[in-house]
PDB file of all heavy atoms in Angstrom:
ATOM      1  N   ALA A   1      -0.938  14.281   1.996  1.00  0.00           N
ATOM      2  CA  ALA A   1      -2.335  14.328   1.655  1.00  0.00           C
ATOM      3  C   ALA A   1      -3.129  12.995   1.679  1.00  0.00           C
ATOM      4  O   ALA A   1      -4.253  12.890   1.877  1.00  0.00           O
ATOM      5  CB  ALA A   1      -2.564  15.016   0.341  1.00  0.00           C
ATOM      6  N   VAL A   2      -2.297  11.977   1.458  1.00  0.00           N
ATOM      7  CA  VAL A   2      -2.894  10.548   1.448  1.00  0.00           C
ATOM      8  C   VAL A   2      -2.386   9.837   2.721  1.00  0.00           C
ATOM      9  O   VAL A   2      -1.494  10.226   3.356  1.00  0.00           O
ATOM     10  CB  VAL A   2      -2.390   9.790   0.166  1.00  0.00           C
ATOM     11  CG1 VAL A   2      -2.998  10.528  -1.048  1.00  0.00           C
ATOM     12  CG2 VAL A   2      -0.902   9.695   0.184  1.00  0.00           C
ATOM     13  N   LYS A   3      -3.147   8.900   3.104  1.00  0.00           N
ATOM     14  CA  LYS A   3      -2.731   8.042   4.285  1.00  0.00           C
ATOM     15  C   LYS A   3      -1.754   7.010   4.022  1.00  0.00           C
ATOM     16  O   LYS A   3      -1.045   6.544   4.963  1.00  0.00           O
ATOM     17  CB  LYS A   3      -4.076   7.421   4.854  1.00  0.00           C
ATOM     18  CG  LYS A   3      -5.118   8.416   5.333  1.00  0.00           C
ATOM     19  CD  LYS A   3      -6.300   7.654   5.982  1.00  0.00           C
ATOM     20  CE  LYS A   3      -7.368   8.690   6.525  1.00  0.00           C
ATOM     21  NZ  LYS A   3      -7.961   9.480   5.480  1.00  0.00           N
ATOM     22  N   GLY A   4      -1.577   6.679   2.762  1.00  0.00           N
ATOM     23  CA  GLY A   4      -0.591   5.602   2.433  1.00  0.00           C
ATOM     24  C   GLY A   4      -0.426   5.494   0.986  1.00  0.00           C
ATOM     25  O   GLY A   4      -1.263   6.017   0.187  1.00  0.00           O
ATOM     26  N   SER A   5       0.551   4.862   0.532  1.00  0.00           N
ATOM     27  CA  SER A   5       0.774   4.611  -0.952  1.00  0.00           C
ATOM     28  C   SER A   5       1.751   3.343  -1.064  1.00  0.00           C
ATOM     29  O   SER A   5       2.582   3.100  -0.234  1.00  0.00           O
ATOM     30  CB  SER A   5       1.393   5.860  -1.590  1.00  0.00           C
ATOM     31  OG  SER A   5       2.772   6.115  -1.117  1.00  0.00           O
ATOM     32  N   TYR A   6       1.665   2.864  -2.264  1.00  0.00           N
ATOM     33  CA  TYR A   6       2.609   1.753  -2.709  1.00  0.00           C
ATOM     34  C   TYR A   6       3.178   2.122  -4.107  1.00  0.00           C
ATOM     35  O   TYR A   6       2.439   2.526  -5.063  1.00  0.00           O
ATOM     36  CB  TYR A   6       1.790   0.452  -2.916  1.00  0.00           C
ATOM     37  CG  TYR A   6       2.597  -0.633  -3.610  1.00  0.00           C
ATOM     38  CD1 TYR A   6       3.761  -1.125  -2.965  1.00  0.00           C
ATOM     39  CD2 TYR A   6       2.226  -1.229  -4.827  1.00  0.00           C
ATOM     40  CE1 TYR A   6       4.437  -2.165  -3.527  1.00  0.00           C
ATOM     41  CE2 TYR A   6       2.974  -2.123  -5.463  1.00  0.00           C
ATOM     42  CZ  TYR A   6       3.992  -2.649  -4.895  1.00  0.00           C
ATOM     43  OH  TYR A   6       4.743  -3.655  -5.599  1.00  0.00           O
ATOM     44  N   ASN A   7       4.477   2.169  -4.152  1.00  0.00           N
ATOM     45  CA  ASN A   7       5.210   2.435  -5.336  1.00  0.00           C
ATOM     46  C   ASN A   7       5.459   1.207  -6.155  1.00  0.00           C
ATOM     47  O   ASN A   7       6.223   0.350  -5.739  1.00  0.00           O
ATOM     48  CB  ASN A   7       6.411   3.139  -5.104  1.00  0.00           C
ATOM     49  CG  ASN A   7       7.209   3.756  -6.315  1.00  0.00           C
ATOM     50  OD1 ASN A   7       7.439   3.003  -7.201  1.00  0.00           O
ATOM     51  ND2 ASN A   7       7.554   4.953  -6.254  1.00  0.00           N
ATOM     52  N   LEU A   8       4.880   1.118  -7.293  1.00  0.00           N
ATOM     53  CA  LEU A   8       4.978  -0.170  -8.088  1.00  0.00           C
ATOM     54  C   LEU A   8       6.278  -0.375  -8.601  1.00  0.00           C
ATOM     55  O   LEU A   8       6.729  -1.556  -8.756  1.00  0.00           O
ATOM     56  CB  LEU A   8       3.855  -0.113  -9.223  1.00  0.00           C
ATOM     57  CG  LEU A   8       3.724  -1.396 -10.207  1.00  0.00           C
ATOM     58  CD1 LEU A   8       3.412  -2.492  -9.374  1.00  0.00           C
ATOM     59  CD2 LEU A   8       2.642  -1.082 -11.273  1.00  0.00           C
ATOM     60  N   GLU A   9       7.096   0.664  -8.930  1.00  0.00           N
ATOM     61  CA  GLU A   9       8.380   0.498  -9.508  1.00  0.00           C
ATOM     62  C   GLU A   9       9.403   0.057  -8.440  1.00  0.00           C
ATOM     63  O   GLU A   9      10.353  -0.681  -8.645  1.00  0.00           O
ATOM     64  CB  GLU A   9       8.814   1.858 -10.126  1.00  0.00           C
ATOM     65  CG  GLU A   9       8.070   2.140 -11.385  1.00  0.00           C
ATOM     66  CD  GLU A   9       8.480   3.459 -12.040  1.00  0.00           C
ATOM     67  OE1 GLU A   9       9.481   4.057 -11.651  1.00  0.00           O
ATOM     68  OE2 GLU A   9       7.871   3.730 -13.076  1.00  0.00           O
ATOM     69  N   THR A  10       9.469   0.750  -7.178  1.00  0.00           N
ATOM     70  CA  THR A  10      10.411   0.557  -6.155  1.00  0.00           C
ATOM     71  C   THR A  10       9.966  -0.605  -5.202  1.00  0.00           C
ATOM     72  O   THR A  10      10.862  -1.130  -4.470  1.00  0.00           O
ATOM     73  CB  THR A  10      10.734   1.808  -5.421  1.00  0.00           C
ATOM     74  OG1 THR A  10       9.619   2.328  -4.731  1.00  0.00           O
ATOM     75  CG2 THR A  10      11.193   2.887  -6.387  1.00  0.00           C
ATOM     76  N   GLY A  11       8.666  -0.742  -5.116  1.00  0.00           N
ATOM     77  CA  GLY A  11       8.202  -1.580  -4.139  1.00  0.00           C
ATOM     78  C   GLY A  11       8.031  -1.033  -2.660  1.00  0.00           C
ATOM     79  O   GLY A  11       7.701  -1.663  -1.713  1.00  0.00           O
ATOM     80  N   ASP A  12       8.317   0.333  -2.620  1.00  0.00           N
ATOM     81  CA  ASP A  12       8.260   1.031  -1.346  1.00  0.00           C
ATOM     82  C   ASP A  12       6.799   1.189  -0.838  1.00  0.00           C
ATOM     83  O   ASP A  12       5.966   1.531  -1.676  1.00  0.00           O
ATOM     84  CB  ASP A  12       9.014   2.349  -1.442  1.00  0.00           C
ATOM     85  CG  ASP A  12      10.405   2.172  -1.640  1.00  0.00           C
ATOM     86  OD1 ASP A  12      10.992   1.113  -1.628  1.00  0.00           O
ATOM     87  OD2 ASP A  12      11.075   3.209  -1.896  1.00  0.00           O
ATOM     88  N   ILE A  13       6.564   1.100   0.392  1.00  0.00           N
ATOM     89  CA  ILE A  13       5.262   1.339   1.025  1.00  0.00           C
ATOM     90  C   ILE A  13       5.433   2.605   1.866  1.00  0.00           C
ATOM     91  O   ILE A  13       6.325   2.589   2.813  1.00  0.00           O
ATOM     92  CB  ILE A  13       4.738   0.187   1.821  1.00  0.00           C
ATOM     93  CG1 ILE A  13       4.346  -0.955   0.811  1.00  0.00           C
ATOM     94  CG2 ILE A  13       3.600   0.536   2.692  1.00  0.00           C
ATOM     95  CD1 ILE A  13       4.065  -2.238   1.399  1.00  0.00           C
ATOM     96  N   MET A  14       4.509   3.553   1.776  1.00  0.00           N
ATOM     97  CA  MET A  14       4.562   4.811   2.585  1.00  0.00           C
ATOM     98  C   MET A  14       3.232   4.800   3.473  1.00  0.00           C
ATOM     99  O   MET A  14       2.176   4.430   3.007  1.00  0.00           O
ATOM    100  CB  MET A  14       4.487   6.012   1.757  1.00  0.00           C
ATOM    101  CG  MET A  14       4.571   7.249   2.636  1.00  0.00           C
ATOM    102  SD  MET A  14       3.057   7.890   3.390  1.00  0.00           S
ATOM    103  CE  MET A  14       2.293   8.520   1.963  1.00  0.00           C
ATOM    104  N   VAL A  15       3.425   4.984   4.747  1.00  0.00           N
ATOM    105  CA  VAL A  15       2.344   5.078   5.712  1.00  0.00           C
ATOM    106  C   VAL A  15       2.389   6.344   6.451  1.00  0.00           C
ATOM    107  O   VAL A  15       3.404   6.850   6.956  1.00  0.00           O
ATOM    108  CB  VAL A  15       2.339   3.985   6.714  1.00  0.00           C
ATOM    109  CG1 VAL A  15       1.221   4.065   7.755  1.00  0.00           C
ATOM    110  CG2 VAL A  15       2.308   2.578   6.108  1.00  0.00           C
ATOM    111  N   ARG A  16       1.265   7.187   6.466  1.00  0.00           N
ATOM    112  CA  ARG A  16       1.279   8.488   7.150  1.00  0.00           C
ATOM    113  C   ARG A  16       1.441   8.244   8.625  1.00  0.00           C
ATOM    114  O   ARG A  16       0.735   7.272   9.301  1.00  0.00           O
ATOM    115  CB  ARG A  16      -0.065   9.115   6.817  1.00  0.00           C
ATOM    116  CG  ARG A  16      -0.165  10.543   7.328  1.00  0.00           C
ATOM    117  CD  ARG A  16      -1.320  11.193   6.802  1.00  0.00           C
ATOM    118  NE  ARG A  16      -1.674  12.365   7.470  1.00  0.00           N
ATOM    119  CZ  ARG A  16      -2.684  13.265   7.164  1.00  0.00           C
ATOM    120  NH1 ARG A  16      -3.408  13.047   6.093  1.00  0.00           N
ATOM    121  NH2 ARG A  16      -2.823  14.322   7.860  1.00  0.00           N
ATOM    122  N   SER A  17       2.340   8.981   9.243  1.00  0.00           N
ATOM    123  CA  SER A  17       2.767   8.784  10.607  1.00  0.00           C
ATOM    124  C   SER A  17       1.821   9.464  11.557  1.00  0.00           C
ATOM    125  O   SER A  17       1.678   9.055  12.829  1.00  0.00           O
ATOM    126  CB  SER A  17       4.239   9.185  10.793  1.00  0.00           C
ATOM    127  OG  SER A  17       4.391  10.603  10.567  1.00  0.00           O
ATOM    128  N   ASP A  18       1.265  10.559  11.196  1.00  0.00           N
ATOM    129  CA  ASP A  18       0.430  11.416  12.133  1.00  0.00           C
ATOM    130  C   ASP A  18      -1.064  11.091  12.063  1.00  0.00           C
ATOM    131  O   ASP A  18      -1.939  11.971  12.078  1.00  0.00           O
ATOM    132  CB  ASP A  18       0.726  12.868  11.779  1.00  0.00           C
ATOM    133  CG  ASP A  18       0.335  13.229  10.312  1.00  0.00           C
ATOM    134  OD1 ASP A  18       0.213  12.313   9.551  1.00  0.00           O
ATOM    135  OD2 ASP A  18       0.272  14.427   9.997  1.00  0.00           O
ATOM    136  N   VAL A  19      -1.325   9.802  12.115  1.00  0.00           N
ATOM    137  CA  VAL A  19      -2.693   9.243  12.211  1.00  0.00           C
ATOM    138  C   VAL A  19      -2.708   8.247  13.303  1.00  0.00           C
ATOM    139  O   VAL A  19      -1.676   7.634  13.730  1.00  0.00           O
ATOM    140  CB  VAL A  19      -3.222   8.725  10.850  1.00  0.00           C
ATOM    141  CG1 VAL A  19      -3.248   9.653   9.849  1.00  0.00           C
ATOM    142  CG2 VAL A  19      -2.361   7.496  10.407  1.00  0.00           C
ATOM    143  N   PRO A  20      -3.935   7.949  13.843  1.00  0.00           N
ATOM    144  CA  PRO A  20      -3.917   6.851  14.876  1.00  0.00           C
ATOM    145  C   PRO A  20      -3.395   5.510  14.426  1.00  0.00           C
ATOM    146  O   PRO A  20      -3.459   5.179  13.243  1.00  0.00           O
ATOM    147  CB  PRO A  20      -5.421   6.812  15.247  1.00  0.00           C
ATOM    148  CG  PRO A  20      -5.964   8.115  14.879  1.00  0.00           C
ATOM    149  CD  PRO A  20      -5.179   8.532  13.607  1.00  0.00           C
ATOM    150  N   HIS A  21      -2.940   4.676  15.353  1.00  0.00           N
ATOM    151  CA  HIS A  21      -2.326   3.430  15.034  1.00  0.00           C
ATOM    152  C   HIS A  21      -3.435   2.453  14.322  1.00  0.00           C
ATOM    153  O   HIS A  21      -3.127   1.646  13.595  1.00  0.00           O
ATOM    154  CB  HIS A  21      -1.718   2.828  16.298  1.00  0.00           C
ATOM    155  CG  HIS A  21      -0.406   3.262  16.546  1.00  0.00           C
ATOM    156  ND1 HIS A  21      -0.001   4.395  17.288  1.00  0.00           N
ATOM    157  CD2 HIS A  21       0.877   2.713  16.145  1.00  0.00           C
ATOM    158  CE1 HIS A  21       1.170   4.614  17.278  1.00  0.00           C
ATOM    159  NE2 HIS A  21       1.795   3.594  16.587  1.00  0.00           N
ATOM    160  N   PHE A  22      -4.611   2.657  14.816  1.00  0.00           N
ATOM    161  CA  PHE A  22      -5.764   1.816  14.168  1.00  0.00           C
ATOM    162  C   PHE A  22      -5.795   2.081  12.714  1.00  0.00           C
ATOM    163  O   PHE A  22      -5.869   1.162  11.957  1.00  0.00           O
ATOM    164  CB  PHE A  22      -7.034   2.100  14.807  1.00  0.00           C
ATOM    165  CG  PHE A  22      -8.132   1.153  14.518  1.00  0.00           C
ATOM    166  CD1 PHE A  22      -8.371   0.073  15.373  1.00  0.00           C
ATOM    167  CD2 PHE A  22      -9.043   1.196  13.460  1.00  0.00           C
ATOM    168  CE1 PHE A  22      -9.389  -0.768  15.131  1.00  0.00           C
ATOM    169  CE2 PHE A  22      -9.983   0.364  13.201  1.00  0.00           C
ATOM    170  CZ  PHE A  22     -10.172  -0.649  14.115  1.00  0.00           C
ATOM    171  N   GLN A  23      -5.651   3.291  12.273  1.00  0.00           N
ATOM    172  CA  GLN A  23      -5.716   3.730  10.854  1.00  0.00           C
ATOM    173  C   GLN A  23      -4.370   3.214  10.129  1.00  0.00           C
ATOM    174  O   GLN A  23      -4.378   2.766   9.048  1.00  0.00           O
ATOM    175  CB  GLN A  23      -5.749   5.203  10.648  1.00  0.00           C
ATOM    176  CG  GLN A  23      -5.641   5.758   9.247  1.00  0.00           C
ATOM    177  CD  GLN A  23      -6.948   5.286   8.394  1.00  0.00           C
ATOM    178  OE1 GLN A  23      -7.896   5.561   8.794  1.00  0.00           O
ATOM    179  NE2 GLN A  23      -6.503   4.559   7.325  1.00  0.00           N
ATOM    180  N   LYS A  24      -3.337   3.259  10.953  1.00  0.00           N
ATOM    181  CA  LYS A  24      -1.956   2.814  10.379  1.00  0.00           C
ATOM    182  C   LYS A  24      -1.945   1.317  10.059  1.00  0.00           C
ATOM    183  O   LYS A  24      -1.416   0.880   9.102  1.00  0.00           O
ATOM    184  CB  LYS A  24      -0.850   3.223  11.326  1.00  0.00           C
ATOM    185  CG  LYS A  24      -0.514   4.692  11.301  1.00  0.00           C
ATOM    186  CD  LYS A  24       0.373   5.006  12.482  1.00  0.00           C
ATOM    187  CE  LYS A  24       1.761   4.787  12.144  1.00  0.00           C
ATOM    188  NZ  LYS A  24       2.653   5.415  13.276  1.00  0.00           N
ATOM    189  N   VAL A  25      -2.570   0.605  10.931  1.00  0.00           N
ATOM    190  CA  VAL A  25      -2.734  -0.867  10.718  1.00  0.00           C
ATOM    191  C   VAL A  25      -3.429  -1.142   9.450  1.00  0.00           C
ATOM    192  O   VAL A  25      -3.041  -1.992   8.565  1.00  0.00           O
ATOM    193  CB  VAL A  25      -3.439  -1.597  11.909  1.00  0.00           C
ATOM    194  CG1 VAL A  25      -3.870  -3.064  11.475  1.00  0.00           C
ATOM    195  CG2 VAL A  25      -2.583  -1.629  13.124  1.00  0.00           C
ATOM    196  N   LYS A  26      -4.664  -0.577   9.310  1.00  0.00           N
ATOM    197  CA  LYS A  26      -5.445  -0.687   8.113  1.00  0.00           C
ATOM    198  C   LYS A  26      -4.730  -0.241   6.871  1.00  0.00           C
ATOM    199  O   LYS A  26      -4.728  -0.940   5.761  1.00  0.00           O
ATOM    200  CB  LYS A  26      -6.774   0.100   8.291  1.00  0.00           C
ATOM    201  CG  LYS A  26      -7.995  -0.363   7.368  1.00  0.00           C
ATOM    202  CD  LYS A  26      -7.841  -0.104   5.930  1.00  0.00           C
ATOM    203  CE  LYS A  26      -7.589   1.337   5.651  1.00  0.00           C
ATOM    204  NZ  LYS A  26      -7.355   1.607   4.212  1.00  0.00           N
ATOM    205  N   THR A  27      -4.075   0.883   6.900  1.00  0.00           N
ATOM    206  CA  THR A  27      -3.294   1.430   5.779  1.00  0.00           C
ATOM    207  C   THR A  27      -2.159   0.598   5.323  1.00  0.00           C
ATOM    208  O   THR A  27      -2.009   0.316   4.149  1.00  0.00           O
ATOM    209  CB  THR A  27      -2.831   2.887   6.119  1.00  0.00           C
ATOM    210  OG1 THR A  27      -3.936   3.741   6.411  1.00  0.00           O
ATOM    211  CG2 THR A  27      -1.996   3.461   4.970  1.00  0.00           C
ATOM    212  N   ILE A  28      -1.347   0.085   6.188  1.00  0.00           N
ATOM    213  CA  ILE A  28      -0.175  -0.743   5.873  1.00  0.00           C
ATOM    214  C   ILE A  28      -0.627  -2.034   5.310  1.00  0.00           C
ATOM    215  O   ILE A  28       0.003  -2.591   4.308  1.00  0.00           O
ATOM    216  CB  ILE A  28       0.783  -0.887   7.053  1.00  0.00           C
ATOM    217  CG1 ILE A  28       2.145  -1.323   6.554  1.00  0.00           C
ATOM    218  CG2 ILE A  28       0.210  -2.031   8.018  1.00  0.00           C
ATOM    219  CD1 ILE A  28       3.199  -1.324   7.680  1.00  0.00           C
ATOM    220  N   LEU A  29      -1.825  -2.592   5.655  1.00  0.00           N
ATOM    221  CA  LEU A  29      -2.159  -3.757   5.145  1.00  0.00           C
ATOM    222  C   LEU A  29      -2.923  -3.485   3.787  1.00  0.00           C
ATOM    223  O   LEU A  29      -2.726  -4.251   2.875  1.00  0.00           O
ATOM    224  CB  LEU A  29      -3.332  -4.360   6.069  1.00  0.00           C
ATOM    225  CG  LEU A  29      -2.816  -5.151   7.274  1.00  0.00           C
ATOM    226  CD1 LEU A  29      -4.048  -5.506   8.130  1.00  0.00           C
ATOM    227  CD2 LEU A  29      -2.033  -6.388   6.888  1.00  0.00           C
ATOM    228  N   HIS A  30      -3.484  -2.299   3.631  1.00  0.00           N
ATOM    229  CA  HIS A  30      -4.051  -1.945   2.306  1.00  0.00           C
ATOM    230  C   HIS A  30      -2.972  -1.879   1.211  1.00  0.00           C
ATOM    231  O   HIS A  30      -2.954  -2.401   0.234  1.00  0.00           O
ATOM    232  CB  HIS A  30      -4.756  -0.575   2.360  1.00  0.00           C
ATOM    233  CG  HIS A  30      -5.171  -0.045   1.113  1.00  0.00           C
ATOM    234  ND1 HIS A  30      -6.515  -0.060   0.698  1.00  0.00           N
ATOM    235  CD2 HIS A  30      -4.593   0.558   0.006  1.00  0.00           C
ATOM    236  CE1 HIS A  30      -6.637   0.541  -0.452  1.00  0.00           C
ATOM    237  NE2 HIS A  30      -5.509   0.840  -0.896  1.00  0.00           N
ATOM    238  N   GLU A  31      -1.760  -1.192   1.569  1.00  0.00           N
ATOM    239  CA  GLU A  31      -0.615  -0.992   0.675  1.00  0.00           C
ATOM    240  C   GLU A  31       0.049  -2.335   0.449  1.00  0.00           C
ATOM    241  O   GLU A  31       0.532  -2.526  -0.688  1.00  0.00           O
ATOM    242  CB  GLU A  31       0.166   0.033   1.222  1.00  0.00           C
ATOM    243  CG  GLU A  31      -0.389   1.478   1.546  1.00  0.00           C
ATOM    244  CD  GLU A  31      -1.180   1.953   0.342  1.00  0.00           C
ATOM    245  OE1 GLU A  31      -0.984   1.660  -0.790  1.00  0.00           O
ATOM    246  OE2 GLU A  31      -2.066   2.842   0.641  1.00  0.00           O
ATOM    247  N   TYR A  32       0.203  -3.171   1.443  1.00  0.00           N
ATOM    248  CA  TYR A  32       0.796  -4.402   1.294  1.00  0.00           C
ATOM    249  C   TYR A  32      -0.106  -5.365   0.415  1.00  0.00           C
ATOM    250  O   TYR A  32       0.494  -6.152  -0.407  1.00  0.00           O
ATOM    251  CB  TYR A  32       1.099  -5.111   2.709  1.00  0.00           C
ATOM    252  CG  TYR A  32       1.765  -6.419   2.597  1.00  0.00           C
ATOM    253  CD1 TYR A  32       3.036  -6.527   1.966  1.00  0.00           C
ATOM    254  CD2 TYR A  32       1.240  -7.599   3.125  1.00  0.00           C
ATOM    255  CE1 TYR A  32       3.652  -7.712   1.865  1.00  0.00           C
ATOM    256  CE2 TYR A  32       1.925  -8.814   3.135  1.00  0.00           C
ATOM    257  CZ  TYR A  32       3.135  -8.826   2.395  1.00  0.00           C
ATOM    258  OH  TYR A  32       3.757 -10.045   2.338  1.00  0.00           O
ATOM    259  N   ALA A  33      -1.331  -5.158   0.545  1.00  0.00           N
ATOM    260  CA  ALA A  33      -2.297  -5.978  -0.315  1.00  0.00           C
ATOM    261  C   ALA A  33      -2.040  -5.594  -1.804  1.00  0.00           C
ATOM    262  O   ALA A  33      -2.080  -6.408  -2.639  1.00  0.00           O
ATOM    263  CB  ALA A  33      -3.719  -5.643   0.124  1.00  0.00           C
ATOM    264  N   HIS A  34      -1.787  -4.331  -2.031  1.00  0.00           N
ATOM    265  CA  HIS A  34      -1.489  -3.916  -3.400  1.00  0.00           C
ATOM    266  C   HIS A  34      -0.251  -4.607  -3.965  1.00  0.00           C
ATOM    267  O   HIS A  34      -0.233  -5.198  -5.018  1.00  0.00           O
ATOM    268  CB  HIS A  34      -1.175  -2.422  -3.471  1.00  0.00           C
ATOM    269  CG  HIS A  34      -2.354  -1.523  -3.730  1.00  0.00           C
ATOM    270  ND1 HIS A  34      -3.267  -1.866  -4.595  1.00  0.00           N
ATOM    271  CD2 HIS A  34      -2.737  -0.365  -3.018  1.00  0.00           C
ATOM    272  CE1 HIS A  34      -4.264  -0.826  -4.577  1.00  0.00           C
ATOM    273  NE2 HIS A  34      -3.955   0.044  -3.593  1.00  0.00           N
ATOM    274  N   ALA A  35       0.790  -4.757  -2.997  1.00  0.00           N
ATOM    275  CA  ALA A  35       2.028  -5.407  -3.466  1.00  0.00           C
ATOM    276  C   ALA A  35       1.762  -6.855  -3.766  1.00  0.00           C
ATOM    277  O   ALA A  35       2.282  -7.437  -4.852  1.00  0.00           O
ATOM    278  CB  ALA A  35       3.109  -5.235  -2.347  1.00  0.00           C
ATOM    279  N   VAL A  36       1.029  -7.543  -2.940  1.00  0.00           N
ATOM    280  CA  VAL A  36       0.761  -8.939  -3.135  1.00  0.00           C
ATOM    281  C   VAL A  36      -0.101  -9.164  -4.335  1.00  0.00           C
ATOM    282  O   VAL A  36       0.074 -10.109  -5.157  1.00  0.00           O
ATOM    283  CB  VAL A  36       0.140  -9.504  -1.932  1.00  0.00           C
ATOM    284  CG1 VAL A  36      -0.284 -11.023  -2.106  1.00  0.00           C
ATOM    285  CG2 VAL A  36       1.032  -9.503  -0.732  1.00  0.00           C
ATOM    286  N   ASP A  37      -1.088  -8.250  -4.537  1.00  0.00           N
ATOM    287  CA  ASP A  37      -2.054  -8.268  -5.664  1.00  0.00           C
ATOM    288  C   ASP A  37      -1.222  -8.212  -6.895  1.00  0.00           C
ATOM    289  O   ASP A  37      -1.354  -8.968  -7.880  1.00  0.00           O
ATOM    290  CB  ASP A  37      -3.063  -7.302  -5.538  1.00  0.00           C
ATOM    291  CG  ASP A  37      -4.058  -7.251  -6.745  1.00  0.00           C
ATOM    292  OD1 ASP A  37      -4.314  -8.319  -7.290  1.00  0.00           O
ATOM    293  OD2 ASP A  37      -4.506  -6.217  -7.102  1.00  0.00           O
ATOM    294  N   PHE A  38      -0.381  -7.315  -7.107  1.00  0.00           N
ATOM    295  CA  PHE A  38       0.387  -7.102  -8.287  1.00  0.00           C
ATOM    296  C   PHE A  38       1.330  -8.242  -8.571  1.00  0.00           C
ATOM    297  O   PHE A  38       1.631  -8.536  -9.687  1.00  0.00           O
ATOM    298  CB  PHE A  38       1.179  -5.756  -8.245  1.00  0.00           C
ATOM    299  CG  PHE A  38       0.412  -4.501  -8.631  1.00  0.00           C
ATOM    300  CD1 PHE A  38      -0.068  -3.631  -7.708  1.00  0.00           C
ATOM    301  CD2 PHE A  38       0.225  -4.321 -10.042  1.00  0.00           C
ATOM    302  CE1 PHE A  38      -0.759  -2.471  -8.122  1.00  0.00           C
ATOM    303  CE2 PHE A  38      -0.535  -3.213 -10.483  1.00  0.00           C
ATOM    304  CZ  PHE A  38      -0.991  -2.362  -9.516  1.00  0.00           C
ATOM    305  N   GLN A  39       1.795  -8.825  -7.441  1.00  0.00           N
ATOM    306  CA  GLN A  39       2.653 -10.006  -7.586  1.00  0.00           C
ATOM    307  C   GLN A  39       1.966 -11.230  -8.090  1.00  0.00           C
ATOM    308  O   GLN A  39       2.407 -12.011  -9.020  1.00  0.00           O
ATOM    309  CB  GLN A  39       3.436 -10.355  -6.194  1.00  0.00           C
ATOM    310  CG  GLN A  39       4.330 -11.508  -6.297  1.00  0.00           C
ATOM    311  CD  GLN A  39       4.855 -11.835  -4.992  1.00  0.00           C
ATOM    312  OE1 GLN A  39       4.280 -11.591  -3.996  1.00  0.00           O
ATOM    313  NE2 GLN A  39       6.156 -12.427  -4.917  1.00  0.00           N
ATOM    314  N   MET A  40       0.770 -11.455  -7.592  1.00  0.00           N
ATOM    315  CA  MET A  40      -0.089 -12.567  -8.014  1.00  0.00           C
ATOM    316  C   MET A  40      -0.869 -12.361  -9.236  1.00  0.00           C
ATOM    317  O   MET A  40      -1.129 -13.280  -9.959  1.00  0.00           O
ATOM    318  CB  MET A  40      -1.071 -12.868  -6.864  1.00  0.00           C
ATOM    319  CG  MET A  40      -0.532 -13.348  -5.531  1.00  0.00           C
ATOM    320  SD  MET A  40      -1.717 -13.534  -4.259  1.00  0.00           S
ATOM    321  CE  MET A  40      -2.424 -15.148  -4.771  1.00  0.00           C
ATOM    322  N   HIS A  41      -1.225 -11.041  -9.531  1.00  0.00           N
ATOM    323  CA  HIS A  41      -1.991 -10.744 -10.761  1.00  0.00           C
ATOM    324  C   HIS A  41      -1.330  -9.568 -11.488  1.00  0.00           C
ATOM    325  O   HIS A  41      -1.743  -8.382 -11.354  1.00  0.00           O
ATOM    326  CB  HIS A  41      -3.407 -10.430 -10.413  1.00  0.00           C
ATOM    327  CG  HIS A  41      -4.049 -11.403  -9.573  1.00  0.00           C
ATOM    328  ND1 HIS A  41      -4.278 -11.086  -8.130  1.00  0.00           N
ATOM    329  CD2 HIS A  41      -4.452 -12.637  -9.706  1.00  0.00           C
ATOM    330  CE1 HIS A  41      -4.823 -12.174  -7.582  1.00  0.00           C
ATOM    331  NE2 HIS A  41      -4.944 -13.089  -8.475  1.00  0.00           N
ATOM    332  N   PRO A  42      -0.186  -9.777 -12.182  1.00  0.00           N
ATOM    333  CA  PRO A  42       0.703  -8.632 -12.753  1.00  0.00           C
ATOM    334  C   PRO A  42      -0.006  -8.058 -13.990  1.00  0.00           C
ATOM    335  O   PRO A  42       0.524  -7.010 -14.497  1.00  0.00           O
ATOM    336  CB  PRO A  42       1.991  -9.413 -13.136  1.00  0.00           C
ATOM    337  CG  PRO A  42       1.502 -10.820 -13.293  1.00  0.00           C
ATOM    338  CD  PRO A  42       0.517 -11.046 -12.474  1.00  0.00           C
ATOM    339  N   GLY A  43      -1.034  -8.556 -14.511  1.00  0.00           N
ATOM    340  CA  GLY A  43      -1.569  -8.002 -15.750  1.00  0.00           C
ATOM    341  C   GLY A  43      -1.963  -6.514 -15.689  1.00  0.00           C
ATOM    342  O   GLY A  43      -2.524  -6.077 -14.666  1.00  0.00           O
ATOM    343  N   GLU A  44      -1.626  -5.881 -16.735  1.00  0.00           N
ATOM    344  CA  GLU A  44      -1.777  -4.494 -16.727  1.00  0.00           C
ATOM    345  C   GLU A  44      -3.261  -4.110 -17.189  1.00  0.00           C
ATOM    346  O   GLU A  44      -3.656  -2.883 -17.215  1.00  0.00           O
ATOM    347  CB  GLU A  44      -0.833  -3.764 -17.782  1.00  0.00           C
ATOM    348  CG  GLU A  44       0.533  -3.899 -17.358  1.00  0.00           C
ATOM    349  CD  GLU A  44       1.574  -3.285 -18.396  1.00  0.00           C
ATOM    350  OE1 GLU A  44       1.034  -2.805 -19.350  1.00  0.00           O
ATOM    351  OE2 GLU A  44       2.792  -3.245 -18.132  1.00  0.00           O
ATOM    352  N   ASP A  45      -4.016  -5.011 -17.462  1.00  0.00           N
ATOM    353  CA  ASP A  45      -5.334  -4.798 -18.000  1.00  0.00           C
ATOM    354  C   ASP A  45      -6.430  -4.634 -16.770  1.00  0.00           C
ATOM    355  O   ASP A  45      -7.539  -4.411 -16.955  1.00  0.00           O
ATOM    356  CB  ASP A  45      -5.800  -5.922 -18.873  1.00  0.00           C
ATOM    357  CG  ASP A  45      -5.845  -7.286 -18.268  1.00  0.00           C
ATOM    358  OD1 ASP A  45      -4.989  -7.556 -17.242  1.00  0.00           O
ATOM    359  OD2 ASP A  45      -6.600  -8.207 -18.676  1.00  0.00           O
ATOM    360  N   VAL A  46      -5.922  -4.806 -15.590  1.00  0.00           N
ATOM    361  CA  VAL A  46      -6.800  -4.638 -14.369  1.00  0.00           C
ATOM    362  C   VAL A  46      -6.874  -3.096 -14.059  1.00  0.00           C
ATOM    363  O   VAL A  46      -5.857  -2.375 -13.842  1.00  0.00           O
ATOM    364  CB  VAL A  46      -6.199  -5.339 -13.111  1.00  0.00           C
ATOM    365  CG1 VAL A  46      -7.221  -5.239 -11.966  1.00  0.00           C
ATOM    366  CG2 VAL A  46      -6.042  -6.812 -13.461  1.00  0.00           C
TER     367      VAL A  46
END
């Protein structure tokens, strides 16, 4: 139902495969940005 996700506990990134590659590029960067953001700003108050 979603185009992608980032699992905070496992660090796994999911990208929906049945969408155009243009969307997949944007999605994988979105989810990777979550990973980097949580690494750089781990505070739970965000």
